[in-house]
N, C-alpha and C. Protein backbone atom coordinates (compact mmCIF):
# COMPACT_ATOMS: atom_id res chain seq x y z
N MET A 1 7.39 -17.92 11.78
CA MET A 1 6.59 -18.65 11.91
C MET A 1 5.92 -20.02 11.72
N THR A 2 5.09 -20.22 12.18
CA THR A 2 5.11 -22.24 12.13
C THR A 2 3.36 -22.23 11.32
N ILE A 3 3.38 -23.34 10.94
CA ILE A 3 2.27 -23.71 10.42
C ILE A 3 1.60 -24.92 11.56
N ASP A 4 -0.19 -24.41 11.63
CA ASP A 4 0.18 -25.41 11.81
C ASP A 4 -0.42 -26.80 10.79
N PRO A 5 -0.13 -28.23 10.93
CA PRO A 5 0.06 -29.20 11.20
C PRO A 5 -0.72 -29.79 10.27
N THR A 6 -2.46 -29.93 11.10
CA THR A 6 -3.35 -30.03 10.11
C THR A 6 -3.27 -29.28 8.47
N ILE A 7 -3.30 -27.90 8.62
CA ILE A 7 -3.08 -26.94 7.56
C ILE A 7 -2.18 -28.06 7.06
N GLN A 8 -0.94 -28.20 6.79
CA GLN A 8 -0.38 -28.64 5.98
C GLN A 8 -0.55 -30.33 6.00
N SER A 9 -1.24 -31.03 6.55
CA SER A 9 -2.01 -32.62 5.90
C SER A 9 -2.54 -32.10 5.09
N LYS A 10 -4.16 -31.09 5.74
CA LYS A 10 -5.18 -30.95 4.61
C LYS A 10 -4.95 -30.37 3.22
N GLY A 11 -4.38 -29.06 3.26
CA GLY A 11 -4.12 -27.96 2.83
C GLY A 11 -4.99 -26.81 3.07
N TYR A 12 -4.99 -25.10 2.21
CA TYR A 12 -5.68 -24.29 2.52
C TYR A 12 -7.02 -24.88 1.89
N THR A 13 -8.03 -23.85 2.43
CA THR A 13 -9.72 -23.28 2.40
C THR A 13 -9.20 -22.28 1.40
N VAL A 14 -9.82 -21.78 0.45
CA VAL A 14 -8.65 -20.48 -0.16
C VAL A 14 -10.32 -20.13 -0.82
N LEU A 15 -10.70 -18.46 -0.85
CA LEU A 15 -11.83 -17.76 -1.73
C LEU A 15 -11.22 -17.21 -2.49
N SER A 16 -11.57 -17.13 -3.71
CA SER A 16 -10.49 -16.33 -4.10
C SER A 16 -11.95 -14.99 -5.46
N LEU A 17 -11.68 -13.65 -5.10
CA LEU A 17 -12.84 -13.05 -5.34
C LEU A 17 -12.49 -12.96 -7.00
N PHE A 18 -13.56 -12.44 -7.65
CA PHE A 18 -12.48 -11.89 -8.84
C PHE A 18 -11.37 -12.44 -10.03
N ASP A 19 -11.84 -14.17 -9.61
CA ASP A 19 -10.28 -15.12 -9.54
C ASP A 19 -10.40 -15.01 -11.49
N GLY A 20 -10.94 -15.13 -12.34
CA GLY A 20 -10.61 -14.64 -14.03
C GLY A 20 -9.96 -16.11 -13.67
N MET A 21 -8.61 -16.58 -14.52
CA MET A 21 -8.22 -17.73 -14.55
C MET A 21 -7.97 -18.30 -13.95
N SER A 22 -7.69 -18.38 -12.85
CA SER A 22 -7.39 -19.26 -11.53
C SER A 22 -6.38 -18.95 -11.01
N CYS A 23 -5.21 -17.68 -11.78
CA CYS A 23 -4.07 -16.95 -12.02
C CYS A 23 -3.60 -17.58 -10.23
N GLY A 24 -4.24 -17.49 -9.19
CA GLY A 24 -3.72 -17.95 -7.78
C GLY A 24 -3.80 -19.32 -7.62
N GLN A 25 -4.38 -20.20 -8.64
CA GLN A 25 -4.08 -21.79 -7.88
C GLN A 25 -3.18 -22.17 -8.83
N ILE A 26 -2.85 -21.64 -9.45
CA ILE A 26 -1.70 -21.68 -10.87
C ILE A 26 -0.27 -21.29 -9.68
N ALA A 27 -0.22 -20.23 -9.00
CA ALA A 27 0.85 -19.68 -7.70
C ALA A 27 1.49 -20.37 -7.18
N LEU A 28 -0.10 -21.21 -6.25
CA LEU A 28 -0.52 -21.79 -5.27
C LEU A 28 0.58 -23.13 -5.76
N LYS A 29 -0.01 -23.88 -6.82
CA LYS A 29 0.19 -24.74 -7.47
C LYS A 29 2.26 -24.84 -7.67
N LYS A 30 2.49 -24.19 -7.82
CA LYS A 30 3.52 -23.87 -8.17
C LYS A 30 5.14 -24.30 -6.98
N LEU A 31 3.87 -23.49 -5.70
CA LEU A 31 4.71 -22.33 -5.07
C LEU A 31 4.46 -24.66 -4.09
N GLY A 32 4.26 -25.04 -4.67
CA GLY A 32 3.54 -26.34 -3.55
C GLY A 32 2.79 -26.29 -2.19
N ILE A 33 2.01 -25.20 -2.32
CA ILE A 33 1.56 -24.91 -1.48
C ILE A 33 -0.24 -25.74 -1.78
N LYS A 34 -0.37 -26.95 -0.27
CA LYS A 34 -1.41 -27.65 -0.64
C LYS A 34 -3.01 -27.15 -0.53
N VAL A 35 -3.61 -27.10 -1.89
CA VAL A 35 -5.75 -26.46 -1.73
C VAL A 35 -6.00 -28.15 -0.86
N PHE A 36 -6.82 -27.30 0.00
CA PHE A 36 -8.33 -28.75 0.64
C PHE A 36 -9.17 -27.84 -0.36
N LYS A 37 -9.67 -26.93 -0.61
CA LYS A 37 -10.58 -26.40 -1.66
C LYS A 37 -10.55 -24.95 -1.88
N TYR A 38 -11.32 -24.96 -2.89
CA TYR A 38 -10.96 -23.29 -3.51
C TYR A 38 -11.96 -22.77 -3.77
N PHE A 39 -12.51 -21.79 -3.36
CA PHE A 39 -13.78 -20.69 -3.65
C PHE A 39 -13.61 -19.69 -4.77
N ALA A 40 -14.11 -19.73 -5.53
CA ALA A 40 -13.89 -18.65 -6.85
C ALA A 40 -14.79 -17.77 -7.53
N SER A 41 -14.71 -17.23 -7.43
CA SER A 41 -15.72 -16.22 -7.84
C SER A 41 -15.35 -15.30 -9.41
N GLU A 42 -16.52 -15.63 -9.89
CA GLU A 42 -15.88 -15.24 -11.18
C GLU A 42 -17.10 -15.19 -12.65
N ILE A 43 -17.51 -13.82 -13.34
CA ILE A 43 -18.98 -14.35 -14.16
C ILE A 43 -18.13 -14.50 -15.53
N LYS A 44 -17.39 -14.03 -16.41
CA LYS A 44 -16.57 -14.40 -17.47
C LYS A 44 -17.04 -16.16 -17.57
N PRO A 45 -17.84 -15.94 -18.22
CA PRO A 45 -17.68 -17.48 -18.78
C PRO A 45 -16.48 -18.22 -19.46
N HIS A 46 -15.80 -17.15 -20.13
CA HIS A 46 -14.57 -17.80 -20.35
C HIS A 46 -13.14 -18.01 -19.81
N ALA A 47 -13.16 -17.81 -18.37
CA ALA A 47 -12.44 -17.63 -17.22
C ALA A 47 -12.61 -18.57 -16.19
N ILE A 48 -13.99 -19.18 -16.39
CA ILE A 48 -14.75 -19.97 -16.04
C ILE A 48 -14.65 -21.66 -16.39
N ARG A 49 -14.65 -21.13 -17.69
CA ARG A 49 -14.73 -22.62 -18.84
C ARG A 49 -12.80 -22.75 -18.49
N VAL A 50 -11.83 -22.18 -18.43
CA VAL A 50 -10.25 -22.14 -18.63
C VAL A 50 -10.13 -22.89 -16.96
N THR A 51 -10.70 -22.42 -15.31
CA THR A 51 -10.60 -23.10 -14.81
C THR A 51 -11.18 -23.96 -14.67
N LYS A 52 -12.13 -24.30 -15.30
CA LYS A 52 -13.06 -25.64 -15.19
C LYS A 52 -12.39 -26.71 -15.68
N HIS A 53 -11.87 -26.70 -16.81
CA HIS A 53 -10.66 -26.91 -18.07
C HIS A 53 -9.20 -27.70 -16.86
N ASN A 54 -8.60 -26.02 -16.44
CA ASN A 54 -7.02 -26.51 -16.03
C ASN A 54 -7.39 -27.15 -13.82
N PHE A 55 -8.15 -27.12 -13.13
CA PHE A 55 -8.50 -27.50 -11.57
C PHE A 55 -10.11 -27.75 -11.79
N PRO A 56 -10.44 -28.57 -12.32
CA PRO A 56 -12.19 -29.03 -11.81
C PRO A 56 -12.88 -29.09 -10.63
N ASP A 57 -11.42 -29.49 -9.39
CA ASP A 57 -12.58 -29.57 -8.23
C ASP A 57 -12.26 -28.01 -8.02
N THR A 58 -12.28 -26.86 -8.45
CA THR A 58 -13.29 -25.35 -7.97
C THR A 58 -13.97 -25.65 -7.43
N ILE A 59 -14.59 -25.11 -6.59
CA ILE A 59 -16.47 -24.84 -6.39
C ILE A 59 -16.10 -23.24 -6.61
N HIS A 60 -18.14 -23.32 -7.61
CA HIS A 60 -17.55 -22.05 -8.09
C HIS A 60 -18.67 -21.02 -7.29
N ILE A 61 -19.14 -19.79 -7.00
CA ILE A 61 -19.92 -18.85 -6.36
C ILE A 61 -20.35 -17.83 -6.78
N GLY A 62 -19.85 -17.95 -8.22
CA GLY A 62 -20.89 -16.68 -8.86
C GLY A 62 -20.19 -15.01 -8.95
N ASP A 63 -21.43 -14.31 -8.08
CA ASP A 63 -20.07 -13.15 -8.82
C ASP A 63 -19.93 -12.94 -7.03
N GLY A 64 -19.54 -11.31 -7.82
CA GLY A 64 -19.06 -10.86 -6.30
C GLY A 64 -20.08 -11.22 -4.98
N GLN A 65 -20.91 -10.39 -4.87
CA GLN A 65 -21.65 -10.48 -3.91
C GLN A 65 -21.40 -12.32 -3.66
N PHE A 66 -21.58 -11.07 -2.00
CA PHE A 66 -21.74 -13.07 -1.10
C PHE A 66 -22.43 -13.72 -1.15
N PRO A 67 -22.33 -14.98 -2.05
CA PRO A 67 -23.42 -16.25 -2.17
C PRO A 67 -23.61 -15.98 -1.15
N LYS A 68 -26.01 -16.54 -1.04
CA LYS A 68 -26.53 -16.35 0.46
C LYS A 68 -26.63 -18.44 0.97
N ASP A 69 -25.65 -19.16 -0.06
CA ASP A 69 -25.68 -20.24 0.35
C ASP A 69 -25.28 -20.62 0.67
N ILE A 70 -23.74 -20.12 0.91
CA ILE A 70 -22.58 -21.27 1.65
C ILE A 70 -22.24 -19.58 2.75
N PRO A 71 -22.36 -20.27 4.33
CA PRO A 71 -21.76 -19.64 4.63
C PRO A 71 -20.42 -19.68 5.32
N ILE A 72 -20.41 -17.74 5.28
CA ILE A 72 -19.24 -17.04 5.55
C ILE A 72 -18.06 -17.92 6.50
N SER A 73 -19.83 -18.58 7.83
CA SER A 73 -17.89 -19.51 9.01
C SER A 73 -18.40 -20.59 8.47
N SER A 74 -18.41 -21.32 7.09
CA SER A 74 -17.40 -22.52 7.06
C SER A 74 -16.14 -22.06 6.30
N LEU A 75 -16.26 -20.84 5.83
CA LEU A 75 -15.40 -20.53 4.35
C LEU A 75 -12.93 -20.37 5.64
N MET A 76 -13.89 -19.60 7.00
CA MET A 76 -12.73 -18.81 7.72
C MET A 76 -12.78 -21.17 8.46
N TRP A 77 -10.84 -19.94 8.53
CA TRP A 77 -10.31 -21.33 9.43
C TRP A 77 -10.63 -21.13 11.40
N LYS A 78 -10.86 -21.88 11.79
CA LYS A 78 -10.48 -22.24 13.33
C LYS A 78 -9.37 -22.13 14.23
N PRO A 79 -8.84 -21.58 15.01
CA PRO A 79 -8.05 -21.90 15.48
C PRO A 79 -7.97 -23.17 16.03
N GLN A 80 -7.61 -24.52 16.24
CA GLN A 80 -7.87 -25.77 17.27
C GLN A 80 -7.47 -25.41 18.68
N MET A 81 -8.14 -25.34 19.96
CA MET A 81 -7.97 -25.18 21.59
C MET A 81 -7.72 -26.99 21.88
């Protein structure tokens, strides 16, 4: 499997549903995987506070229902032709 050089330089865009305290971001960081944008869906106030403290660039999008103000197409990877 080859990784698109654009993704390697910018990083991945991640959507984490039921994010908790962002264990996904912890794992990605430990693996050395670069993240461009990280969208997190979480409703528990304590978990959100922990995430904001550890990963202040996280974009919180509320509950598990897909938000109306963020078009899903903006989260999807589009291959370059």
